[in-house]
Amino acid sequence: MRDDDRDSKDSDSRGGRDRRSSGGGGRRPSFRKKVCKFCTQNLIPDYKNPEMLRRYITERGKILPARITGCCAKHQRSVTNEIKKARVLAYLPFEKK
């Protein structure tokens, strides 16, 4: 393989520069760190409060992960258990079609 063939494969397919040397500074965009609502406001997840639990499920009824909700591990486990209790008692849906 020739050197010019290797260079053409490293460059962007649209004729742009190589992605590795894009000059973006190598930093990710800054974002605000998520904090656990239950820790900061001294709340306890409760299956009898489905309006609060709806924040932690999708429209389809799936439980959102902690990296999206911002809950700490302790409260994410309790939120999951309370959502499951609320589903059994029909406060929350198992699935929306």
PDB file of N, CA and C in Angstrom:
ATOM      1  N   MET A   1       0.850  -1.178   0.000  1.00  0.00           N
ATOM      2  CA  MET A   1       0.000   0.000   0.000  1.00  0.00           C
ATOM      3  C   MET A   1       0.891   1.234   0.000  1.00  0.00           C
ATOM      4  N   ARG A   2       0.554   2.193  -0.788  1.00  0.00           N
ATOM      5  CA  ARG A   2       1.343   3.419  -0.879  1.00  0.00           C
ATOM      6  C   ARG A   2       0.953   4.393   0.220  1.00  0.00           C
ATOM      7  N   ASP A   3       1.849   5.352   0.488  1.00  0.00           N
ATOM      8  CA  ASP A   3       1.605   6.330   1.544  1.00  0.00           C
ATOM      9  C   ASP A   3       0.400   7.210   1.243  1.00  0.00           C
ATOM     10  N   ASP A   4       0.213   7.588  -0.035  1.00  0.00           N
ATOM     11  CA  ASP A   4      -0.909   8.464  -0.362  1.00  0.00           C
ATOM     12  C   ASP A   4      -2.241   7.725  -0.235  1.00  0.00           C
ATOM     13  N   ASP A   5      -2.264   6.380  -0.425  1.00  0.00           N
ATOM     14  CA  ASP A   5      -3.495   5.619  -0.202  1.00  0.00           C
ATOM     15  C   ASP A   5      -3.854   5.613   1.278  1.00  0.00           C
ATOM     16  N   ARG A   6      -2.840   5.459   2.126  1.00  0.00           N
ATOM     17  CA  ARG A   6      -3.072   5.434   3.561  1.00  0.00           C
ATOM     18  C   ARG A   6      -3.596   6.778   4.038  1.00  0.00           C
ATOM     19  N   ASP A   7      -3.075   7.865   3.515  1.00  0.00           N
ATOM     20  CA  ASP A   7      -3.519   9.200   3.906  1.00  0.00           C
ATOM     21  C   ASP A   7      -4.958   9.452   3.485  1.00  0.00           C
ATOM     22  N   SER A   8      -5.354   8.924   2.347  1.00  0.00           N
ATOM     23  CA  SER A   8      -6.718   9.174   1.890  1.00  0.00           C
ATOM     24  C   SER A   8      -7.733   8.431   2.741  1.00  0.00           C
ATOM     25  N   LYS A   9      -7.344   7.286   3.320  1.00  0.00           N
ATOM     26  CA  LYS A   9      -8.271   6.556   4.178  1.00  0.00           C
ATOM     27  C   LYS A   9      -8.389   7.200   5.546  1.00  0.00           C
ATOM     28  N   ASP A  10      -7.341   7.890   6.006  1.00  0.00           N
ATOM     29  CA  ASP A  10      -7.384   8.544   7.294  1.00  0.00           C
ATOM     30  C   ASP A  10      -8.225   9.805   7.276  1.00  0.00           C
ATOM     31  N   SER A  11      -8.349  10.438   6.128  1.00  0.00           N
ATOM     32  CA  SER A  11      -9.089  11.680   6.071  1.00  0.00           C
ATOM     33  C   SER A  11     -10.593  11.403   6.013  1.00  0.00           C
ATOM     34  N   ASP A  12     -11.362  12.398   6.285  1.00  0.00           N
ATOM     35  CA  ASP A  12     -12.817  12.299   6.273  1.00  0.00           C
ATOM     36  C   ASP A  12     -13.294  11.981   4.860  1.00  0.00           C
ATOM     37  N   SER A  13     -14.348  11.201   4.744  1.00  0.00           N
ATOM     38  CA  SER A  13     -14.827  10.778   3.428  1.00  0.00           C
ATOM     39  C   SER A  13     -15.386  11.944   2.615  1.00  0.00           C
ATOM     40  N   ARG A  14     -15.705  13.050   3.262  1.00  0.00           N
ATOM     41  CA  ARG A  14     -16.252  14.197   2.545  1.00  0.00           C
ATOM     42  C   ARG A  14     -15.168  15.183   2.149  1.00  0.00           C
ATOM     43  N   GLY A  15     -13.917  14.769   2.269  1.00  0.00           N
ATOM     44  CA  GLY A  15     -12.848  15.651   1.860  1.00  0.00           C
ATOM     45  C   GLY A  15     -12.378  16.572   2.960  1.00  0.00           C
ATOM     46  N   GLY A  16     -12.862  16.386   4.170  1.00  0.00           N
ATOM     47  CA  GLY A  16     -12.461  17.250   5.271  1.00  0.00           C
ATOM     48  C   GLY A  16     -11.168  16.775   5.901  1.00  0.00           C
ATOM     49  N   ARG A  17     -10.852  17.369   7.015  1.00  0.00           N
ATOM     50  CA  ARG A  17      -9.624  17.018   7.706  1.00  0.00           C
ATOM     51  C   ARG A  17      -9.815  15.736   8.499  1.00  0.00           C
ATOM     52  N   ASP A  18      -8.709  15.196   8.951  1.00  0.00           N
ATOM     53  CA  ASP A  18      -8.717  13.996   9.774  1.00  0.00           C
ATOM     54  C   ASP A  18      -9.451  14.299  11.081  1.00  0.00           C
ATOM     55  N   ARG A  19     -10.314  13.378  11.520  1.00  0.00           N
ATOM     56  CA  ARG A  19     -11.098  13.609  12.727  1.00  0.00           C
ATOM     57  C   ARG A  19     -10.229  13.720  13.966  1.00  0.00           C
ATOM     58  N   ARG A  20      -9.120  12.977  13.996  1.00  0.00           N
ATOM     59  CA  ARG A  20      -8.267  12.988  15.175  1.00  0.00           C
ATOM     60  C   ARG A  20      -7.560  14.315  15.356  1.00  0.00           C
ATOM     61  N   SER A  21      -7.348  15.052  14.308  1.00  0.00           N
ATOM     62  CA  SER A  21      -6.651  16.334  14.420  1.00  0.00           C
ATOM     63  C   SER A  21      -7.604  17.478  14.061  1.00  0.00           C
ATOM     64  N   SER A  22      -8.802  17.417  14.604  1.00  0.00           N
ATOM     65  CA  SER A  22      -9.815  18.398  14.224  1.00  0.00           C
ATOM     66  C   SER A  22      -9.604  19.755  14.876  1.00  0.00           C
ATOM     67  N   GLY A  23      -8.718  19.831  15.873  1.00  0.00           N
ATOM     68  CA  GLY A  23      -8.436  21.130  16.482  1.00  0.00           C
ATOM     69  C   GLY A  23      -9.526  21.595  17.419  1.00  0.00           C
ATOM     70  N   GLY A  24     -10.352  20.683  17.906  1.00  0.00           N
ATOM     71  CA  GLY A  24     -11.435  21.062  18.795  1.00  0.00           C
ATOM     72  C   GLY A  24     -10.997  21.271  20.229  1.00  0.00           C
ATOM     73  N   GLY A  25      -9.729  21.038  20.513  1.00  0.00           N
ATOM     74  CA  GLY A  25      -9.250  21.240  21.869  1.00  0.00           C
ATOM     75  C   GLY A  25      -9.315  19.973  22.695  1.00  0.00           C
ATOM     76  N   GLY A  26     -10.061  18.960  22.245  1.00  0.00           N
ATOM     77  CA  GLY A  26     -10.126  17.701  22.951  1.00  0.00           C
ATOM     78  C   GLY A  26     -10.958  17.726  24.214  1.00  0.00           C
ATOM     79  N   ARG A  27     -11.708  18.782  24.434  1.00  0.00           N
ATOM     80  CA  ARG A  27     -12.532  18.867  25.643  1.00  0.00           C
ATOM     81  C   ARG A  27     -13.979  18.598  25.308  1.00  0.00           C
ATOM     82  N   ARG A  28     -14.636  17.950  26.199  1.00  0.00           N
ATOM     83  CA  ARG A  28     -16.065  17.715  26.025  1.00  0.00           C
ATOM     84  C   ARG A  28     -16.823  18.980  26.411  1.00  0.00           C
ATOM     85  N   PRO A  29     -18.001  19.162  25.858  1.00  0.00           N
ATOM     86  CA  PRO A  29     -18.779  20.327  26.267  1.00  0.00           C
ATOM     87  C   PRO A  29     -19.177  20.210  27.736  1.00  0.00           C
ATOM     88  N   SER A  30     -19.172  21.330  28.430  1.00  0.00           N
ATOM     89  CA  SER A  30     -19.492  21.294  29.851  1.00  0.00           C
ATOM     90  C   SER A  30     -20.994  21.108  30.041  1.00  0.00           C
ATOM     91  N   PHE A  31     -21.334  20.420  31.083  1.00  0.00           N
ATOM     92  CA  PHE A  31     -22.734  20.225  31.428  1.00  0.00           C
ATOM     93  C   PHE A  31     -22.885  20.320  32.935  1.00  0.00           C
ATOM     94  N   ARG A  32     -24.100  20.524  33.372  1.00  0.00           N
ATOM     95  CA  ARG A  32     -24.375  20.666  34.785  1.00  0.00           C
ATOM     96  C   ARG A  32     -24.510  19.295  35.417  1.00  0.00           C
ATOM     97  N   LYS A  33     -23.834  19.059  36.525  1.00  0.00           N
ATOM     98  CA  LYS A  33     -23.885  17.771  37.183  1.00  0.00           C
ATOM     99  C   LYS A  33     -25.262  17.560  37.786  1.00  0.00           C
ATOM    100  N   LYS A  34     -25.826  16.373  37.566  1.00  0.00           N
ATOM    101  CA  LYS A  34     -27.135  16.057  38.104  1.00  0.00           C
ATOM    102  C   LYS A  34     -27.005  15.693  39.574  1.00  0.00           C
ATOM    103  N   VAL A  35     -27.927  16.165  40.367  1.00  0.00           N
ATOM    104  CA  VAL A  35     -27.922  15.858  41.796  1.00  0.00           C
ATOM    105  C   VAL A  35     -29.194  15.108  42.142  1.00  0.00           C
ATOM    106  N   CYS A  36     -29.096  14.300  43.166  1.00  0.00           N
ATOM    107  CA  CYS A  36     -30.235  13.491  43.588  1.00  0.00           C
ATOM    108  C   CYS A  36     -31.275  14.385  44.264  1.00  0.00           C
ATOM    109  N   LYS A  37     -32.470  14.386  43.734  1.00  0.00           N
ATOM    110  CA  LYS A  37     -33.552  15.208  44.281  1.00  0.00           C
ATOM    111  C   LYS A  37     -33.940  14.748  45.681  1.00  0.00           C
ATOM    112  N   PHE A  38     -33.846  13.448  45.921  1.00  0.00           N
ATOM    113  CA  PHE A  38     -34.244  12.896  47.214  1.00  0.00           C
ATOM    114  C   PHE A  38     -33.238  13.253  48.298  1.00  0.00           C
ATOM    115  N   CYS A  39     -31.957  13.314  47.949  1.00  0.00           N
ATOM    116  CA  CYS A  39     -30.930  13.692  48.926  1.00  0.00           C
ATOM    117  C   CYS A  39     -30.996  15.180  49.247  1.00  0.00           C
ATOM    118  N   THR A  40     -31.164  16.007  48.226  1.00  0.00           N
ATOM    119  CA  THR A  40     -31.115  17.450  48.440  1.00  0.00           C
ATOM    120  C   THR A  40     -32.365  17.980  49.131  1.00  0.00           C
ATOM    121  N   GLN A  41     -33.527  17.395  48.840  1.00  0.00           N
ATOM    122  CA  GLN A  41     -34.776  17.902  49.412  1.00  0.00           C
ATOM    123  C   GLN A  41     -35.312  17.032  50.542  1.00  0.00           C
ATOM    124  N   ASN A  42     -34.529  16.048  50.977  1.00  0.00           N
ATOM    125  CA  ASN A  42     -34.921  15.131  52.063  1.00  0.00           C
ATOM    126  C   ASN A  42     -36.285  14.498  51.807  1.00  0.00           C
ATOM    127  N   LEU A  43     -36.488  14.018  50.583  1.00  0.00           N
ATOM    128  CA  LEU A  43     -37.720  13.333  50.218  1.00  0.00           C
ATOM    129  C   LEU A  43     -37.517  11.833  50.274  1.00  0.00           C
ATOM    130  N   ILE A  44     -38.623  11.108  50.338  1.00  0.00           N
ATOM    131  CA  ILE A  44     -38.590   9.651  50.285  1.00  0.00           C
ATOM    132  C   ILE A  44     -39.518   9.226  49.154  1.00  0.00           C
ATOM    133  N   PRO A  45     -39.049   8.376  48.233  1.00  0.00           N
ATOM    134  CA  PRO A  45     -39.950   7.897  47.178  1.00  0.00           C
ATOM    135  C   PRO A  45     -41.087   7.086  47.778  1.00  0.00           C
ATOM    136  N   ASP A  46     -42.291   7.324  47.275  1.00  0.00           N
ATOM    137  CA  ASP A  46     -43.462   6.659  47.833  1.00  0.00           C
ATOM    138  C   ASP A  46     -44.377   6.208  46.703  1.00  0.00           C
ATOM    139  N   TYR A  47     -44.827   4.958  46.769  1.00  0.00           N
ATOM    140  CA  TYR A  47     -45.684   4.416  45.713  1.00  0.00           C
ATOM    141  C   TYR A  47     -47.046   5.082  45.689  1.00  0.00           C
ATOM    142  N   LYS A  48     -47.445   5.730  46.779  1.00  0.00           N
ATOM    143  CA  LYS A  48     -48.755   6.380  46.832  1.00  0.00           C
ATOM    144  C   LYS A  48     -48.753   7.756  46.183  1.00  0.00           C
ATOM    145  N   ASN A  49     -47.609   8.184  45.667  1.00  0.00           N
ATOM    146  CA  ASN A  49     -47.486   9.469  44.991  1.00  0.00           C
ATOM    147  C   ASN A  49     -47.059   9.221  43.539  1.00  0.00           C
ATOM    148  N   PRO A  50     -48.002   8.801  42.677  1.00  0.00           N
ATOM    149  CA  PRO A  50     -47.626   8.453  41.304  1.00  0.00           C
ATOM    150  C   PRO A  50     -47.179   9.655  40.474  1.00  0.00           C
ATOM    151  N   GLU A  51     -47.602  10.858  40.822  1.00  0.00           N
ATOM    152  CA  GLU A  51     -47.179  12.044  40.068  1.00  0.00           C
ATOM    153  C   GLU A  51     -45.676  12.263  40.212  1.00  0.00           C
ATOM    154  N   MET A  52     -45.141  12.026  41.393  1.00  0.00           N
ATOM    155  CA  MET A  52     -43.705  12.159  41.578  1.00  0.00           C
ATOM    156  C   MET A  52     -42.968  11.040  40.838  1.00  0.00           C
ATOM    157  N   LEU A  53     -43.513   9.838  40.850  1.00  0.00           N
ATOM    158  CA  LEU A  53     -42.848   8.700  40.209  1.00  0.00           C
ATOM    159  C   LEU A  53     -42.904   8.773  38.691  1.00  0.00           C
ATOM    160  N   ARG A  54     -43.857   9.501  38.120  1.00  0.00           N
ATOM    161  CA  ARG A  54     -43.951   9.616  36.661  1.00  0.00           C
ATOM    162  C   ARG A  54     -42.736  10.307  36.061  1.00  0.00           C
ATOM    163  N   ARG A  55     -42.048  11.085  36.877  1.00  0.00           N
ATOM    164  CA  ARG A  55     -40.829  11.751  36.417  1.00  0.00           C
ATOM    165  C   ARG A  55     -39.726  10.729  36.116  1.00  0.00           C
ATOM    166  N   TYR A  56     -39.812   9.548  36.707  1.00  0.00           N
ATOM    167  CA  TYR A  56     -38.762   8.543  36.597  1.00  0.00           C
ATOM    168  C   TYR A  56     -39.108   7.403  35.653  1.00  0.00           C
ATOM    169  N   ILE A  57     -40.166   7.557  34.865  1.00  0.00           N
ATOM    170  CA  ILE A  57     -40.497   6.557  33.848  1.00  0.00           C
ATOM    171  C   ILE A  57     -40.704   7.263  32.511  1.00  0.00           C
ATOM    172  N   THR A  58     -40.558   6.512  31.426  1.00  0.00           N
ATOM    173  CA  THR A  58     -40.761   7.072  30.093  1.00  0.00           C
ATOM    174  C   THR A  58     -42.248   7.070  29.762  1.00  0.00           C
ATOM    175  N   GLU A  59     -42.578   7.603  28.592  1.00  0.00           N
ATOM    176  CA  GLU A  59     -43.969   7.580  28.146  1.00  0.00           C
ATOM    177  C   GLU A  59     -44.460   6.160  27.951  1.00  0.00           C
ATOM    178  N   ARG A  60     -43.548   5.268  27.573  1.00  0.00           N
ATOM    179  CA  ARG A  60     -43.905   3.867  27.369  1.00  0.00           C
ATOM    180  C   ARG A  60     -44.002   3.095  28.679  1.00  0.00           C
ATOM    181  N   GLY A  61     -43.597   3.695  29.794  1.00  0.00           N
ATOM    182  CA  GLY A  61     -43.701   3.044  31.084  1.00  0.00           C
ATOM    183  C   GLY A  61     -42.422   2.394  31.563  1.00  0.00           C
ATOM    184  N   LYS A  62     -41.307   2.611  30.860  1.00  0.00           N
ATOM    185  CA  LYS A  62     -40.036   2.019  31.268  1.00  0.00           C
ATOM    186  C   LYS A  62     -39.374   2.885  32.337  1.00  0.00           C
ATOM    187  N   ILE A  63     -38.658   2.250  33.252  1.00  0.00           N
ATOM    188  CA  ILE A  63     -37.959   2.968  34.311  1.00  0.00           C
ATOM    189  C   ILE A  63     -36.681   3.571  33.740  1.00  0.00           C
ATOM    190  N   LEU A  64     -36.477   4.861  33.983  1.00  0.00           N
ATOM    191  CA  LEU A  64     -35.286   5.554  33.490  1.00  0.00           C
ATOM    192  C   LEU A  64     -34.077   5.210  34.352  1.00  0.00           C
ATOM    193  N   PRO A  65     -32.886   5.093  33.754  1.00  0.00           N
ATOM    194  CA  PRO A  65     -31.692   4.789  34.537  1.00  0.00           C
ATOM    195  C   PRO A  65     -31.213   6.002  35.340  1.00  0.00           C
ATOM    196  N   ALA A  66     -30.355   5.731  36.313  1.00  0.00           N
ATOM    197  CA  ALA A  66     -29.873   6.783  37.208  1.00  0.00           C
ATOM    198  C   ALA A  66     -29.027   7.810  36.474  1.00  0.00           C
ATOM    199  N   ARG A  67     -28.341   7.416  35.399  1.00  0.00           N
ATOM    200  CA  ARG A  67     -27.512   8.384  34.680  1.00  0.00           C
ATOM    201  C   ARG A  67     -28.364   9.440  34.000  1.00  0.00           C
ATOM    202  N   ILE A  68     -29.638   9.145  33.764  1.00  0.00           N
ATOM    203  CA  ILE A  68     -30.543  10.127  33.163  1.00  0.00           C
ATOM    204  C   ILE A  68     -31.300  10.902  34.244  1.00  0.00           C
ATOM    205  N   THR A  69     -31.774  10.204  35.274  1.00  0.00           N
ATOM    206  CA  THR A  69     -32.560  10.873  36.311  1.00  0.00           C
ATOM    207  C   THR A  69     -31.699  11.667  37.274  1.00  0.00           C
ATOM    208  N   GLY A  70     -30.439  11.242  37.483  1.00  0.00           N
ATOM    209  CA  GLY A  70     -29.565  11.942  38.406  1.00  0.00           C
ATOM    210  C   GLY A  70     -29.668  11.451  39.831  1.00  0.00           C
ATOM    211  N   CYS A  71     -30.408  10.386  40.071  1.00  0.00           N
ATOM    212  CA  CYS A  71     -30.536   9.842  41.422  1.00  0.00           C
ATOM    213  C   CYS A  71     -29.260   9.131  41.840  1.00  0.00           C
ATOM    214  N   CYS A  72     -28.987   9.145  43.139  1.00  0.00           N
ATOM    215  CA  CYS A  72     -27.884   8.346  43.650  1.00  0.00           C
ATOM    216  C   CYS A  72     -28.324   6.878  43.646  1.00  0.00           C
ATOM    217  N   ALA A  73     -27.384   5.964  43.845  1.00  0.00           N
ATOM    218  CA  ALA A  73     -27.677   4.536  43.746  1.00  0.00           C
ATOM    219  C   ALA A  73     -28.712   4.095  44.780  1.00  0.00           C
ATOM    220  N   LYS A  74     -28.597   4.616  45.981  1.00  0.00           N
ATOM    221  CA  LYS A  74     -29.527   4.257  47.062  1.00  0.00           C
ATOM    222  C   LYS A  74     -30.962   4.635  46.696  1.00  0.00           C
ATOM    223  N   HIS A  75     -31.149   5.854  46.231  1.00  0.00           N
ATOM    224  CA  HIS A  75     -32.503   6.309  45.920  1.00  0.00           C
ATOM    225  C   HIS A  75     -33.003   5.754  44.589  1.00  0.00           C
ATOM    226  N   GLN A  76     -32.097   5.439  43.664  1.00  0.00           N
ATOM    227  CA  GLN A  76     -32.534   4.819  42.411  1.00  0.00           C
ATOM    228  C   GLN A  76     -33.138   3.441  42.695  1.00  0.00           C
ATOM    229  N   ARG A  77     -32.522   2.697  43.603  1.00  0.00           N
ATOM    230  CA  ARG A  77     -33.084   1.387  43.981  1.00  0.00           C
ATOM    231  C   ARG A  77     -34.456   1.542  44.620  1.00  0.00           C
ATOM    232  N   SER A  78     -34.599   2.517  45.508  1.00  0.00           N
ATOM    233  CA  SER A  78     -35.891   2.689  46.168  1.00  0.00           C
ATOM    234  C   SER A  78     -36.956   3.210  45.203  1.00  0.00           C
ATOM    235  N   VAL A  79     -36.560   4.081  44.261  1.00  0.00           N
ATOM    236  CA  VAL A  79     -37.504   4.567  43.247  1.00  0.00           C
ATOM    237  C   VAL A  79     -37.989   3.391  42.400  1.00  0.00           C
ATOM    238  N   THR A  80     -37.067   2.506  42.017  1.00  0.00           N
ATOM    239  CA  THR A  80     -37.432   1.343  41.215  1.00  0.00           C
ATOM    240  C   THR A  80     -38.429   0.465  41.951  1.00  0.00           C
ATOM    241  N   ASN A  81     -38.167   0.214  43.234  1.00  0.00           N
ATOM    242  CA  ASN A  81     -39.087  -0.623  44.013  1.00  0.00           C
ATOM    243  C   ASN A  81     -40.450   0.035  44.170  1.00  0.00           C
ATOM    244  N   GLU A  82     -40.469   1.340  44.386  1.00  0.00           N
ATOM    245  CA  GLU A  82     -41.748   2.046  44.547  1.00  0.00           C
ATOM    246  C   GLU A  82     -42.531   2.081  43.238  1.00  0.00           C
ATOM    247  N   ILE A  83     -41.838   2.202  42.111  1.00  0.00           N
ATOM    248  CA  ILE A  83     -42.523   2.164  40.814  1.00  0.00           C
ATOM    249  C   ILE A  83     -43.160   0.798  40.606  1.00  0.00           C
ATOM    250  N   LYS A  84     -42.438  -0.247  40.976  1.00  0.00           N
ATOM    251  CA  LYS A  84     -42.972  -1.604  40.823  1.00  0.00           C
ATOM    252  C   LYS A  84     -44.182  -1.824  41.713  1.00  0.00           C
ATOM    253  N   LYS A  85     -44.153  -1.289  42.938  1.00  0.00           N
ATOM    254  CA  LYS A  85     -45.316  -1.384  43.827  1.00  0.00           C
ATOM    255  C   LYS A  85     -46.505  -0.626  43.237  1.00  0.00           C
ATOM    256  N   ALA A  86     -46.238   0.573  42.697  1.00  0.00           N
ATOM    257  CA  ALA A  86     -47.312   1.390  42.123  1.00  0.00           C
ATOM    258  C   ALA A  86     -47.913   0.716  40.894  1.00  0.00           C
ATOM    259  N   ARG A  87     -47.101  -0.012  40.140  1.00  0.00           N
ATOM    260  CA  ARG A  87     -47.625  -0.742  38.982  1.00  0.00           C
ATOM    261  C   ARG A  87     -48.568  -1.851  39.415  1.00  0.00           C
ATOM    262  N   VAL A  88     -48.204  -2.584  40.458  1.00  0.00           N
ATOM    263  CA  VAL A  88     -49.051  -3.682  40.937  1.00  0.00           C
ATOM    264  C   VAL A  88     -50.392  -3.148  41.421  1.00  0.00           C
ATOM    265  N   LEU A  89     -50.381  -1.993  42.055  1.00  0.00           N
ATOM    266  CA  LEU A  89     -51.629  -1.400  42.558  1.00  0.00           C
ATOM    267  C   LEU A  89     -52.330  -0.528  41.525  1.00  0.00           C
ATOM    268  N   ALA A  90     -51.838  -0.529  40.302  1.00  0.00           N
ATOM    269  CA  ALA A  90     -52.436   0.170  39.153  1.00  0.00           C
ATOM    270  C   ALA A  90     -52.399   1.690  39.292  1.00  0.00           C
ATOM    271  N   TYR A  91     -51.431   2.223  40.050  1.00  0.00           N
ATOM    272  CA  TYR A  91     -51.226   3.670  40.071  1.00  0.00           C
ATOM    273  C   TYR A  91     -50.440   4.101  38.843  1.00  0.00           C
ATOM    274  N   LEU A  92     -49.564   3.214  38.359  1.00  0.00           N
ATOM    275  CA  LEU A  92     -48.755   3.461  37.180  1.00  0.00           C
ATOM    276  C   LEU A  92     -48.946   2.313  36.206  1.00  0.00           C
ATOM    277  N   PRO A  93     -48.828   2.567  34.900  1.00  0.00           N
ATOM    278  CA  PRO A  93     -48.990   1.487  33.932  1.00  0.00           C
ATOM    279  C   PRO A  93     -47.746   0.616  33.815  1.00  0.00           C
ATOM    280  N   PHE A  94     -47.952  -0.656  33.494  1.00  0.00           N
ATOM    281  CA  PHE A  94     -46.835  -1.529  33.186  1.00  0.00           C
ATOM    282  C   PHE A  94     -46.260  -1.154  31.825  1.00  0.00           C
ATOM    283  N   GLU A  95     -47.151  -0.874  30.875  1.00  0.00           N
ATOM    284  CA  GLU A  95     -46.721  -0.555  29.531  1.00  0.00           C
ATOM    285  C   GLU A  95     -47.828   0.227  28.844  1.00  0.00           C
ATOM    286  N   LYS A  96     -47.436   1.207  28.058  1.00  0.00           N
ATOM    287  CA  LYS A  96     -48.419   1.930  27.243  1.00  0.00           C
ATOM    288  C   LYS A  96     -48.188   1.543  25.798  1.00  0.00           C
ATOM    289  N   LYS A  97     -49.239   1.211  25.117  1.00  0.00           N
ATOM    290  CA  LYS A  97     -49.103   0.829  23.706  1.00  0.00           C
ATOM    291  C   LYS A  97     -49.521   1.955  22.804  1.00  0.00           C
TER     292      LYS A  97
END
